[in-house]
Amino acid sequence: MRWTTIGIAVAVFGSVNATKAGKYLSLHVGTAERSKNKQHDKRQDSSESIAVRLENKDFFYTTDIEIGSPPQKVTVLLDTGSNELWVNPDCQEAQSALQYNQCLDFGQYNPDKSDTPPIGPFGGETLNYGDASDESTHTSAEITYYTETFTFGDEELNNQTFGVLIKSEGISQGILGLAPDLRGGFDSNEPYSLLLTSMADQGLINSRVFALDLRHSDDTEGALIYGGIDRSKYIGELETVDIIRGDGGEYRLATRLNSLGVTINGRTSNIRVSRSDSNVMLDSGTTLSRMHMSVARPILEELGAQNDGEGFYTTDCQNRDLDATVDFGFGNKVIKVALSDFILELGPGSCYIGLVPTTDQQILGDSVLRAGYFVFDWDNEKIHIAQAADCGDEDIVAVGSGSDAVPSETGKCKSSDITATGRGGATRTGESFPTVAYTTTYTITSCPDFERECVTGVVTTQTFSERPTVTVTAGAGGDGDGDDDNAAWQPTPLGWVFAVVGGFALGLNLV
């Protein structure tokens, strides 16, 4: 998540060149292991969209872009929590051997090697990322601007402004921001015509719409589709909700969460969501989700969370196999997140819940977004949401323009096409999450209008669990090994350090 910007105002050079409208464009990019360099397959589809396959890089998602002539391919982090597009010119800013190797793998853009020719450098800006309430997550990138040609399959996007890195703090790869400008919003060309706007203006897509399908944690690919939706990747109808501003009044890809719950073995525990806890930003650049303690605590308790002392929460890895979901409601649609997605397995016997408390803007990151199919409509400031699934080959329908740009297309998938569910290797029994309780005390200083029973000045004490143990038993199906030796599991020493980089949490194995 990008939270502040400091820098010089940008003057955009060059005009936007209109291209032919009505093109049918689809670009597919294969995946490669982090340490390998492979050629990616491309093919043309008969749909008016640009489909880009994503690579799940352990803890973040990336996509490839090609800049200049001849095209220089750069892999960038896909981030719906920020708006700027920037890339590395080299790897001199890498601050560790791991970051240096990642930078090499992700590719760079060198303006001197382009025959376009590029315009620049001009202007500059310092971009700050992270959770504003948590200094440990803060990272930054100082960039200068260029204008260049971008290539998508056989199509070109002309005179696109983007950033080239000067120096960075805690970031090893470029970022493709897909959010509106924090201050200018959807209708602004500040700080420049953003990528999605340029695509629509130049006729590559009909309107400023993109669909996001991150897939599940055990999949290696998802899809980003500019100007289209894929009916083979979701269940039922798309629920339409409003895009709202963030808690601070800034423009974000945020919406209202109107229900929350945890379902275990068919039993649902509903969690009250007050209006002050309902504003959530959908951020593909963040691995972990961040929610206010009043709604995070019940989820953590239901999942037998143990605070690791560093602000993160562990749980028994066997809980990933439970027949259980964390349920997020948007309008009339409930997105069910399987624990195999919501609990991150960092290594043998080391599992972390994909949720941490925050006092700042709430974020639904990859730990939640993997379970949903999300279509973002900039022009109408709407988000269309459905349960994600996979029922075969692509079936992409181009979006139109105007108030009904996103077609009312029912997904082709059924509930049986959802693959990331509990594998049946464990079931929760009885009082399986006994807790050690402790209290926290605070004074209520303000009350929202809708809280009729709220009284200011009252000192309140709440009790919640700190270090519960977890008991699981073998169930039908799964691997059936029924290993009960780990039933009362205690956290192992943390060998992973999390850092929010460009609005995402990147796990670095330091062991």
Protein backbone atom coordinates (compact mmCIF):
# COMPACT_ATOMS: atom_id res chain seq x y z
CA MET A 1 0.00 0.00 0.00
CA ARG A 2 1.30 3.43 -0.91
CA TRP A 3 0.58 5.89 1.88
CA THR A 4 2.42 9.15 1.13
CA THR A 5 4.18 10.82 -1.75
CA ILE A 6 6.84 13.51 -1.66
CA GLY A 7 8.44 14.88 -4.77
CA ILE A 8 8.54 17.20 -7.75
CA ALA A 9 5.53 17.83 -9.95
CA VAL A 10 5.74 15.97 -13.24
CA ALA A 11 5.27 17.47 -16.69
CA VAL A 12 4.25 14.77 -19.17
CA PHE A 13 5.96 15.07 -22.53
CA GLY A 14 4.40 13.89 -25.76
CA SER A 15 0.78 13.42 -26.74
CA VAL A 16 -1.39 10.33 -26.58
CA ASN A 17 -1.67 8.75 -30.01
CA ALA A 18 -5.01 7.13 -30.76
CA THR A 19 -4.88 3.64 -32.23
CA LYS A 20 -7.58 1.61 -33.96
CA ALA A 21 -10.55 0.78 -31.75
CA GLY A 22 -12.25 -2.58 -31.58
CA LYS A 23 -9.11 -4.71 -31.45
CA TYR A 24 -9.23 -8.21 -30.03
CA LEU A 25 -6.09 -8.57 -28.01
CA SER A 26 -4.97 -11.19 -25.53
CA LEU A 27 -1.48 -11.74 -24.20
CA HIS A 28 -0.53 -14.82 -22.22
CA VAL A 29 2.72 -15.10 -20.31
CA GLY A 30 3.99 -18.38 -18.88
CA THR A 31 5.70 -18.80 -15.54
CA ALA A 32 9.30 -19.39 -14.57
CA GLU A 33 11.05 -20.42 -11.41
CA ARG A 34 12.56 -17.55 -9.45
CA SER A 35 16.13 -18.58 -10.23
CA LYS A 36 15.57 -19.44 -13.89
CA ASN A 37 15.11 -17.46 -17.06
CA LYS A 38 12.76 -18.99 -19.61
CA GLN A 39 11.17 -17.70 -22.72
CA HIS A 40 7.48 -17.08 -22.11
CA ASP A 41 4.85 -18.31 -24.50
CA LYS A 42 2.61 -15.75 -26.20
CA ARG A 43 -0.45 -16.19 -28.35
CA GLN A 44 -3.21 -14.07 -29.79
CA ASP A 45 -6.80 -14.67 -28.60
CA SER A 46 -10.05 -13.56 -30.21
CA SER A 47 -11.10 -11.39 -27.27
CA GLU A 48 -10.75 -7.66 -26.88
CA SER A 49 -8.65 -7.82 -23.75
CA ILE A 50 -5.08 -8.17 -22.62
CA ALA A 51 -4.72 -11.27 -20.45
CA VAL A 52 -1.47 -11.57 -18.57
CA ARG A 53 -0.70 -14.66 -16.56
CA LEU A 54 0.75 -14.02 -13.16
CA GLU A 55 3.48 -15.86 -11.39
CA ASN A 56 2.97 -16.58 -7.71
CA LYS A 57 6.42 -15.75 -6.36
CA ASP A 58 5.95 -17.48 -2.98
CA PHE A 59 4.66 -14.33 -1.28
CA PHE A 60 3.81 -11.95 -4.08
CA TYR A 61 2.45 -11.87 -7.60
CA THR A 62 4.21 -10.49 -10.65
CA THR A 63 3.56 -9.87 -14.29
CA ASP A 64 5.82 -9.07 -17.24
CA ILE A 65 5.89 -5.83 -19.20
CA GLU A 66 7.96 -4.96 -22.27
CA ILE A 67 9.37 -1.45 -22.65
CA GLY A 68 11.17 0.28 -25.53
CA SER A 69 12.40 -0.94 -28.88
CA PRO A 70 13.63 -3.55 -29.07
CA PRO A 71 11.41 -4.54 -26.11
CA GLN A 72 13.15 -4.95 -22.77
CA LYS A 73 11.19 -7.36 -20.58
CA VAL A 74 10.82 -6.48 -16.91
CA THR A 75 8.96 -8.44 -14.24
CA VAL A 76 7.06 -6.16 -11.86
CA LEU A 77 5.04 -6.68 -8.72
CA LEU A 78 1.29 -6.40 -9.34
CA ASP A 79 -0.13 -3.90 -6.86
CA THR A 80 -3.75 -2.74 -6.60
CA GLY A 81 -2.73 -0.75 -3.51
CA SER A 82 -0.67 1.90 -5.34
CA ASN A 83 -0.82 3.82 -8.61
CA GLU A 84 2.73 4.32 -9.90
CA LEU A 85 4.52 2.15 -12.46
CA TRP A 86 8.30 2.04 -12.05
CA VAL A 87 11.16 -0.31 -12.95
CA ASN A 88 14.82 -0.89 -12.19
CA PRO A 89 17.53 0.37 -14.59
CA ASP A 90 20.09 -1.97 -12.98
CA CYS A 91 20.62 -3.84 -9.71
CA GLN A 92 22.92 -1.43 -7.92
CA GLU A 93 20.29 -0.58 -5.31
CA ALA A 94 19.92 -4.20 -4.13
CA GLN A 95 20.73 -4.35 -0.42
CA SER A 96 21.44 -8.06 -0.09
CA ALA A 97 22.59 -10.99 -2.18
CA LEU A 98 19.00 -12.29 -2.28
CA GLN A 99 17.63 -8.96 -3.50
CA TYR A 100 20.43 -8.70 -6.06
CA ASN A 101 19.62 -12.14 -7.49
CA GLN A 102 15.91 -11.32 -7.55
CA CYS A 103 16.65 -8.08 -9.36
CA LEU A 104 18.67 -9.93 -11.99
CA ASP A 105 15.88 -12.47 -12.45
CA PHE A 106 13.24 -9.76 -12.81
CA GLY A 107 15.03 -7.87 -15.59
CA GLN A 108 15.78 -4.18 -16.03
CA TYR A 109 15.05 -1.31 -18.39
CA ASN A 110 17.99 0.73 -19.71
CA PRO A 111 16.88 3.87 -21.60
CA ASP A 112 20.19 3.98 -23.45
CA LYS A 113 19.40 0.62 -25.09
CA SER A 114 16.08 1.74 -26.58
CA ASP A 115 15.78 3.01 -30.17
CA THR A 116 12.31 4.58 -29.68
CA PRO A 117 13.87 7.00 -28.46
CA PRO A 118 12.59 7.49 -24.91
CA ILE A 119 11.86 10.98 -23.55
CA GLY A 120 13.52 11.75 -20.23
CA PRO A 121 14.59 11.85 -17.57
CA PHE A 122 12.25 14.55 -16.27
CA GLY A 123 10.77 15.30 -12.87
CA GLY A 124 10.91 12.89 -10.00
CA GLU A 125 9.16 11.65 -6.91
CA THR A 126 9.75 9.71 -3.72
CA LEU A 127 7.21 6.92 -3.19
CA ASN A 128 6.61 5.58 0.32
CA TYR A 129 4.93 2.24 0.91
CA GLY A 130 3.69 0.26 3.88
CA ASP A 131 1.27 0.39 6.80
CA ALA A 132 1.46 3.97 8.13
CA SER A 133 0.84 2.70 11.68
CA ASP A 134 3.76 0.23 11.58
CA GLU A 135 7.22 1.69 10.91
CA SER A 136 8.71 -1.77 10.44
CA THR A 137 6.77 -2.06 7.16
CA HIS A 138 7.94 1.20 5.62
CA THR A 139 9.87 1.09 2.34
CA SER A 140 10.53 3.70 -0.31
CA ALA A 141 11.60 4.27 -3.90
CA GLU A 142 12.98 7.45 -5.45
CA ILE A 143 12.25 7.63 -9.16
CA THR A 144 12.64 9.86 -12.18
CA TYR A 145 10.30 9.78 -15.16
CA TYR A 146 10.56 8.67 -18.78
CA THR A 147 8.06 8.35 -21.62
CA GLU A 148 8.34 5.21 -23.76
CA THR A 149 6.57 2.65 -25.92
CA PHE A 150 5.13 -0.45 -24.21
CA THR A 151 4.46 -3.68 -26.09
CA PHE A 152 1.60 -6.10 -25.34
CA GLY A 153 1.79 -9.01 -27.74
CA ASP A 154 1.42 -7.48 -31.21
CA GLU A 155 0.02 -4.18 -29.89
CA GLU A 156 1.87 -1.07 -28.81
CA LEU A 157 1.00 1.50 -26.17
CA ASN A 158 2.66 4.78 -27.11
CA ASN A 159 3.99 7.67 -25.05
CA GLN A 160 3.44 5.98 -21.68
CA THR A 161 5.03 7.76 -18.73
CA PHE A 162 6.58 5.63 -15.99
CA GLY A 163 9.28 5.78 -13.34
CA VAL A 164 12.86 4.56 -13.45
CA LEU A 165 14.46 3.93 -10.09
CA ILE A 166 17.19 6.20 -8.72
CA LYS A 167 17.46 4.62 -5.28
CA SER A 168 15.31 2.48 -3.00
CA GLU A 169 14.97 1.33 0.57
CA GLY A 170 13.79 -2.24 1.10
CA ILE A 171 12.48 -2.89 -2.43
CA SER A 172 14.22 -5.16 -4.93
CA GLN A 173 11.84 -5.10 -7.91
CA GLY A 174 9.65 -2.68 -9.84
CA ILE A 175 5.95 -2.18 -9.20
CA LEU A 176 2.93 -1.96 -11.50
CA GLY A 177 0.36 0.10 -9.60
CA LEU A 178 -3.26 -0.42 -10.66
CA ALA A 179 -4.94 1.92 -8.17
CA PRO A 180 -6.05 5.51 -8.85
CA ASP A 181 -3.96 8.48 -7.80
CA LEU A 182 -4.39 9.03 -4.06
CA ARG A 183 -5.23 12.71 -4.44
CA GLY A 184 -6.49 13.13 -8.01
CA GLY A 185 -8.66 10.03 -8.14
CA PHE A 186 -10.02 8.22 -11.19
CA ASP A 187 -10.56 11.23 -13.45
CA SER A 188 -7.15 12.80 -12.99
CA ASN A 189 -4.13 12.63 -15.27
CA GLU A 190 -1.93 13.31 -12.27
CA PRO A 191 0.88 12.55 -11.93
CA TYR A 192 0.47 11.32 -15.55
CA SER A 193 -1.89 9.22 -17.65
CA LEU A 194 -1.77 5.92 -15.77
CA LEU A 195 -1.43 2.65 -17.66
CA LEU A 196 -5.11 1.65 -17.54
CA THR A 197 -6.21 5.11 -18.70
CA SER A 198 -3.71 5.07 -21.57
CA MET A 199 -4.92 1.63 -22.71
CA ALA A 200 -8.50 2.91 -22.97
CA ASP A 201 -7.51 6.23 -24.56
CA GLN A 202 -5.48 4.48 -27.25
CA GLY A 203 -8.16 1.88 -27.99
CA LEU A 204 -6.46 -1.26 -26.66
CA ILE A 205 -9.50 -1.80 -24.41
CA ASN A 206 -13.04 -0.37 -24.45
CA SER A 207 -13.03 1.08 -20.96
CA ARG A 208 -10.89 1.24 -17.84
CA VAL A 209 -11.70 -2.19 -16.45
CA PHE A 210 -9.44 -5.01 -15.33
CA ALA A 211 -10.14 -8.40 -13.77
CA LEU A 212 -7.93 -10.03 -11.17
CA ASP A 213 -7.70 -13.78 -10.56
CA LEU A 214 -4.83 -14.59 -8.19
CA ARG A 215 -5.70 -18.28 -7.78
CA HIS A 216 -4.93 -20.38 -4.76
CA SER A 217 -1.72 -20.73 -2.79
CA ASP A 218 -0.89 -24.10 -4.39
CA ASP A 219 -1.31 -22.72 -7.94
CA THR A 220 1.58 -21.15 -9.83
CA GLU A 221 -0.47 -18.87 -12.08
CA GLY A 222 -3.32 -16.45 -11.96
CA ALA A 223 -4.54 -13.95 -14.51
CA LEU A 224 -4.79 -10.21 -14.98
CA ILE A 225 -7.18 -9.29 -17.78
CA TYR A 226 -7.35 -5.75 -19.11
CA GLY A 227 -10.73 -4.97 -20.63
CA GLY A 228 -12.39 -8.35 -20.14
CA ILE A 229 -13.70 -10.99 -17.75
CA ASP A 230 -13.15 -14.75 -17.84
CA ARG A 231 -16.35 -16.73 -17.25
CA SER A 232 -14.36 -19.92 -16.61
CA LYS A 233 -12.82 -18.54 -13.42
CA TYR A 234 -15.74 -17.79 -11.11
CA ILE A 235 -19.02 -19.16 -9.74
CA GLY A 236 -22.45 -17.61 -10.19
CA GLU A 237 -23.20 -13.97 -10.75
CA LEU A 238 -20.86 -11.06 -10.12
CA GLU A 239 -21.94 -8.94 -7.15
CA THR A 240 -21.54 -5.21 -7.78
CA VAL A 241 -20.39 -2.94 -4.94
CA ASP A 242 -19.23 0.66 -4.81
CA ILE A 243 -15.61 1.75 -4.71
CA ILE A 244 -15.27 4.08 -1.74
CA ARG A 245 -12.49 6.32 -0.49
CA GLY A 246 -10.05 5.09 2.12
CA ASP A 247 -10.35 5.89 5.81
CA GLY A 248 -8.32 9.06 5.32
CA GLY A 249 -10.46 10.31 2.44
CA GLU A 250 -7.89 9.33 -0.19
CA TYR A 251 -8.74 7.53 -3.42
CA ARG A 252 -8.19 3.78 -3.18
CA LEU A 253 -9.64 0.51 -4.49
CA ALA A 254 -11.62 0.15 -1.28
CA THR A 255 -15.16 -1.01 -0.53
CA ARG A 256 -17.45 -1.90 2.38
CA LEU A 257 -17.21 -5.23 4.19
CA ASN A 258 -20.67 -5.95 5.57
CA SER A 259 -20.24 -9.38 7.14
CA LEU A 260 -17.51 -11.58 8.54
CA GLY A 261 -17.42 -15.08 9.95
CA VAL A 262 -15.51 -18.31 10.47
CA THR A 263 -17.04 -21.64 9.42
CA ILE A 264 -15.56 -24.83 10.90
CA ASN A 265 -17.10 -28.24 10.23
CA GLY A 266 -20.31 -26.58 9.07
CA ARG A 267 -20.65 -24.31 12.13
CA THR A 268 -20.40 -20.58 11.42
CA SER A 269 -19.36 -18.06 14.04
CA ASN A 270 -20.49 -14.63 12.86
CA ILE A 271 -18.36 -11.62 13.74
CA ARG A 272 -19.97 -8.22 14.17
CA VAL A 273 -18.62 -5.63 11.73
CA SER A 274 -19.28 -2.03 12.80
CA ARG A 275 -19.18 0.74 10.23
CA SER A 276 -15.84 1.92 11.60
CA ASP A 277 -14.44 -1.54 10.79
CA SER A 278 -16.07 -1.94 7.38
CA ASN A 279 -13.74 0.09 5.11
CA VAL A 280 -11.36 -2.38 3.45
CA MET A 281 -8.86 -1.84 0.65
CA LEU A 282 -8.32 -4.69 -1.83
CA ASP A 283 -4.55 -4.88 -2.24
CA SER A 284 -2.87 -7.53 -4.38
CA GLY A 285 0.52 -6.14 -3.35
CA THR A 286 0.06 -7.24 0.26
CA THR A 287 0.46 -10.86 1.25
CA LEU A 288 -1.09 -10.58 4.69
CA SER A 289 -4.45 -8.99 5.42
CA ARG A 290 -4.56 -6.23 8.04
CA MET A 291 -7.69 -5.55 10.07
CA HIS A 292 -8.67 -3.67 13.20
CA MET A 293 -8.26 -5.68 16.38
CA SER A 294 -12.01 -5.68 17.09
CA VAL A 295 -12.60 -7.87 14.01
CA ALA A 296 -9.19 -9.55 13.80
CA ARG A 297 -9.28 -10.92 17.35
CA PRO A 298 -12.31 -13.22 16.91
CA ILE A 299 -10.77 -14.72 13.76
CA LEU A 300 -7.43 -15.29 15.47
CA GLU A 301 -9.15 -16.90 18.45
CA GLU A 302 -11.19 -19.23 16.23
CA LEU A 303 -8.00 -20.36 14.48
CA GLY A 304 -6.05 -20.98 17.68
CA ALA A 305 -3.61 -18.15 17.07
CA GLN A 306 -0.38 -17.80 18.99
CA ASN A 307 1.34 -14.42 19.04
CA ASP A 308 4.96 -14.93 18.01
CA GLY A 309 6.08 -11.80 19.85
CA GLU A 310 6.81 -9.95 16.59
CA GLY A 311 3.24 -9.01 15.72
CA PHE A 312 2.47 -12.11 13.65
CA TYR A 313 0.33 -15.10 14.57
CA THR A 314 1.15 -18.78 14.25
CA THR A 315 -1.11 -21.79 14.28
CA ASP A 316 -0.78 -25.54 13.92
CA CYS A 317 -0.04 -26.42 10.30
CA GLN A 318 -2.61 -29.21 10.42
CA ASN A 319 -5.30 -26.52 10.66
CA ARG A 320 -4.70 -25.85 6.95
CA ASP A 321 -6.43 -29.19 6.32
CA LEU A 322 -9.55 -28.41 8.33
CA ASP A 323 -12.92 -28.26 6.61
CA ALA A 324 -13.08 -24.57 7.42
CA THR A 325 -13.30 -21.14 5.82
CA VAL A 326 -13.02 -17.49 6.81
CA ASP A 327 -16.03 -15.75 5.27
CA PHE A 328 -15.99 -12.17 3.94
CA GLY A 329 -19.29 -10.59 2.87
CA PHE A 330 -19.60 -7.91 0.18
CA GLY A 331 -23.15 -6.82 -0.59
CA ASN A 332 -25.06 -10.09 -1.01
CA LYS A 333 -21.96 -12.12 -1.89
CA VAL A 334 -19.90 -14.07 0.65
CA ILE A 335 -16.36 -15.02 -0.37
CA LYS A 336 -15.22 -18.12 1.48
CA VAL A 337 -11.46 -18.32 2.03
CA ALA A 338 -10.18 -21.84 2.68
CA LEU A 339 -7.70 -22.18 5.53
CA SER A 340 -5.21 -23.64 3.05
CA ASP A 341 -5.11 -20.12 1.58
CA PHE A 342 -5.59 -18.12 4.78
CA ILE A 343 -2.84 -19.95 6.69
CA LEU A 344 0.61 -19.62 5.13
CA GLU A 345 3.02 -22.53 5.42
CA LEU A 346 6.53 -21.08 5.55
CA GLY A 347 8.30 -24.36 6.20
CA PRO A 348 7.87 -27.72 7.93
CA GLY A 349 5.95 -27.11 11.16
CA SER A 350 5.91 -23.34 10.64
CA CYS A 351 2.55 -21.84 9.71
CA TYR A 352 1.34 -18.27 10.02
CA ILE A 353 -2.18 -16.91 9.86
CA GLY A 354 -2.51 -14.47 6.97
CA LEU A 355 -3.93 -11.76 9.20
CA VAL A 356 -2.37 -9.15 11.50
CA PRO A 357 -4.00 -6.31 13.45
CA THR A 358 -3.62 -2.69 12.38
CA THR A 359 -4.83 0.69 13.61
CA ASP A 360 -4.56 2.17 10.10
CA GLN A 361 -6.40 1.48 6.83
CA GLN A 362 -7.70 -2.09 6.75
CA ILE A 363 -6.33 -4.20 3.90
CA LEU A 364 -7.52 -7.44 2.37
CA GLY A 365 -4.36 -8.86 0.85
CA ASP A 366 -3.51 -12.01 -1.05
CA SER A 367 -4.54 -14.22 1.89
CA VAL A 368 -8.14 -13.18 1.09
CA LEU A 369 -8.03 -12.09 -2.56
CA ARG A 370 -6.93 -15.56 -3.72
CA ALA A 371 -10.42 -16.86 -3.01
CA GLY A 372 -12.28 -14.23 -5.03
CA TYR A 373 -12.66 -13.08 -8.61
CA PHE A 374 -12.50 -9.28 -8.68
CA VAL A 375 -13.35 -6.97 -11.56
CA PHE A 376 -12.37 -3.32 -11.03
CA ASP A 377 -14.29 -0.72 -13.06
CA TRP A 378 -12.54 2.64 -12.83
CA ASP A 379 -14.99 4.49 -15.07
CA ASN A 380 -18.04 3.65 -12.95
CA GLU A 381 -16.14 3.29 -9.65
CA LYS A 382 -17.50 -0.20 -9.04
CA ILE A 383 -16.05 -3.58 -8.06
CA HIS A 384 -17.68 -6.79 -9.29
CA ILE A 385 -17.03 -9.79 -7.04
CA ALA A 386 -17.58 -13.56 -7.20
CA GLN A 387 -16.18 -16.72 -5.65
CA ALA A 388 -13.13 -17.78 -7.64
CA ALA A 389 -12.93 -21.23 -9.23
CA ASP A 390 -11.35 -22.89 -12.26
CA CYS A 391 -13.49 -24.87 -14.69
CA GLY A 392 -11.35 -25.16 -17.76
CA ASP A 393 -10.06 -23.14 -20.67
CA GLU A 394 -10.40 -19.38 -20.87
CA ASP A 395 -13.78 -17.97 -21.86
CA ILE A 396 -13.07 -14.25 -21.98
CA VAL A 397 -15.81 -11.73 -22.68
CA ALA A 398 -14.80 -8.18 -23.56
CA VAL A 399 -16.23 -5.37 -21.49
CA GLY A 400 -18.05 -2.51 -23.16
CA SER A 401 -18.27 1.13 -22.16
CA GLY A 402 -20.73 3.31 -20.29
CA SER A 403 -22.66 2.59 -17.10
CA ASP A 404 -23.14 -1.10 -17.94
CA ALA A 405 -19.60 -1.70 -19.24
CA VAL A 406 -19.14 -4.93 -17.28
CA PRO A 407 -21.59 -7.47 -18.71
CA SER A 408 -23.89 -9.47 -16.44
CA GLU A 409 -22.20 -12.74 -17.25
CA THR A 410 -22.80 -15.74 -15.00
CA GLY A 411 -19.70 -17.75 -14.25
CA LYS A 412 -19.52 -21.23 -15.74
CA CYS A 413 -18.01 -22.85 -12.66
CA LYS A 414 -19.71 -24.83 -9.91
CA SER A 415 -18.81 -25.20 -6.25
CA SER A 416 -17.09 -28.48 -7.05
CA ASP A 417 -14.58 -26.53 -9.18
CA ILE A 418 -13.09 -24.83 -6.13
CA THR A 419 -9.81 -26.63 -5.49
CA ALA A 420 -8.38 -24.94 -2.39
CA THR A 421 -10.43 -26.51 0.39
CA GLY A 422 -9.50 -28.51 3.43
CA ARG A 423 -8.01 -31.78 2.30
CA GLY A 424 -9.84 -33.87 4.89
CA GLY A 425 -6.72 -34.71 6.84
CA ALA A 426 -7.95 -33.17 10.08
CA THR A 427 -11.12 -32.30 11.95
CA ARG A 428 -11.61 -30.08 14.94
CA THR A 429 -13.05 -31.78 18.01
CA GLY A 430 -14.81 -30.44 21.08
CA GLU A 431 -12.84 -27.79 22.95
CA SER A 432 -9.93 -28.10 20.58
CA PHE A 433 -8.66 -24.55 21.11
CA PRO A 434 -8.24 -24.08 24.89
CA THR A 435 -6.86 -20.62 25.61
CA VAL A 436 -4.77 -18.76 28.13
CA ALA A 437 -6.64 -15.50 28.69
CA TYR A 438 -5.35 -12.04 29.51
CA THR A 439 -6.99 -8.63 29.63
CA THR A 440 -6.54 -5.30 27.94
CA THR A 441 -8.00 -2.03 29.22
CA TYR A 442 -8.79 1.13 27.28
CA THR A 443 -10.98 4.24 27.53
CA ILE A 444 -13.70 4.92 24.96
CA THR A 445 -13.00 8.43 23.63
CA SER A 446 -15.56 8.69 20.82
CA CYS A 447 -18.65 6.89 19.56
CA PRO A 448 -20.07 6.56 16.04
CA ASP A 449 -23.69 7.66 15.55
CA PHE A 450 -24.96 4.13 14.96
CA GLU A 451 -23.56 2.79 18.28
CA ARG A 452 -26.54 3.65 20.50
CA GLU A 453 -25.15 1.89 23.57
CA CYS A 454 -21.69 3.46 23.32
CA VAL A 455 -20.77 5.94 26.08
CA THR A 456 -17.63 8.07 26.00
CA GLY A 457 -15.31 8.18 28.99
CA VAL A 458 -16.05 4.59 29.97
CA VAL A 459 -13.05 2.44 30.91
CA THR A 460 -13.49 -0.95 29.25
CA THR A 461 -11.72 -4.22 29.94
CA GLN A 462 -11.70 -7.06 27.42
CA THR A 463 -10.34 -10.58 27.71
CA PHE A 464 -8.81 -12.46 24.82
CA SER A 465 -6.50 -15.40 24.23
CA GLU A 466 -2.73 -15.17 23.95
CA ARG A 467 -1.24 -18.63 23.49
CA PRO A 468 -3.84 -21.35 22.90
CA THR A 469 -2.83 -24.88 22.05
CA VAL A 470 -4.33 -26.76 19.15
CA THR A 471 -5.74 -30.28 19.00
CA VAL A 472 -6.53 -32.03 15.74
CA THR A 473 -7.48 -35.60 14.96
CA ALA A 474 -7.23 -37.62 11.79
CA GLY A 475 -10.30 -37.53 9.58
CA ALA A 476 -11.49 -39.32 6.51
CA GLY A 477 -9.65 -38.64 3.31
CA GLY A 478 -6.48 -36.63 2.90
CA ASP A 479 -3.19 -38.36 3.50
CA GLY A 480 -4.71 -40.25 6.43
CA ASP A 481 -1.47 -40.45 8.39
CA GLY A 482 -3.21 -39.25 11.57
CA ASP A 483 0.00 -37.93 13.14
CA ASP A 484 -1.13 -36.84 16.62
CA ASP A 485 2.38 -36.17 17.93
CA ASN A 486 2.00 -32.55 16.87
CA ALA A 487 -1.45 -32.10 18.41
CA ALA A 488 -0.19 -29.67 21.05
CA TRP A 489 2.17 -27.72 18.81
CA GLN A 490 4.34 -24.88 20.08
CA PRO A 491 5.86 -22.31 17.73
CA THR A 492 9.36 -22.96 16.49
CA PRO A 493 11.93 -20.14 16.43
CA LEU A 494 11.04 -17.66 13.74
CA GLY A 495 13.40 -18.02 10.81
CA TRP A 496 11.51 -15.68 8.54
CA VAL A 497 11.42 -11.89 8.57
CA PHE A 498 8.43 -10.17 6.99
CA ALA A 499 8.78 -6.80 5.31
CA VAL A 500 6.10 -4.81 3.57
CA VAL A 501 7.60 -3.91 0.22
CA GLY A 502 5.52 -1.82 -2.14
CA GLY A 503 2.46 -2.70 -0.13
CA PHE A 504 3.14 -6.44 0.07
CA ALA A 505 4.63 -8.68 2.71
CA LEU A 506 7.69 -10.49 1.45
CA GLY A 507 8.97 -13.45 3.44
CA LEU A 508 12.76 -13.72 3.41
CA ASN A 509 14.22 -16.95 4.75
CA LEU A 510 17.15 -15.90 6.93
CA VAL A 511 17.90 -19.30 8.43
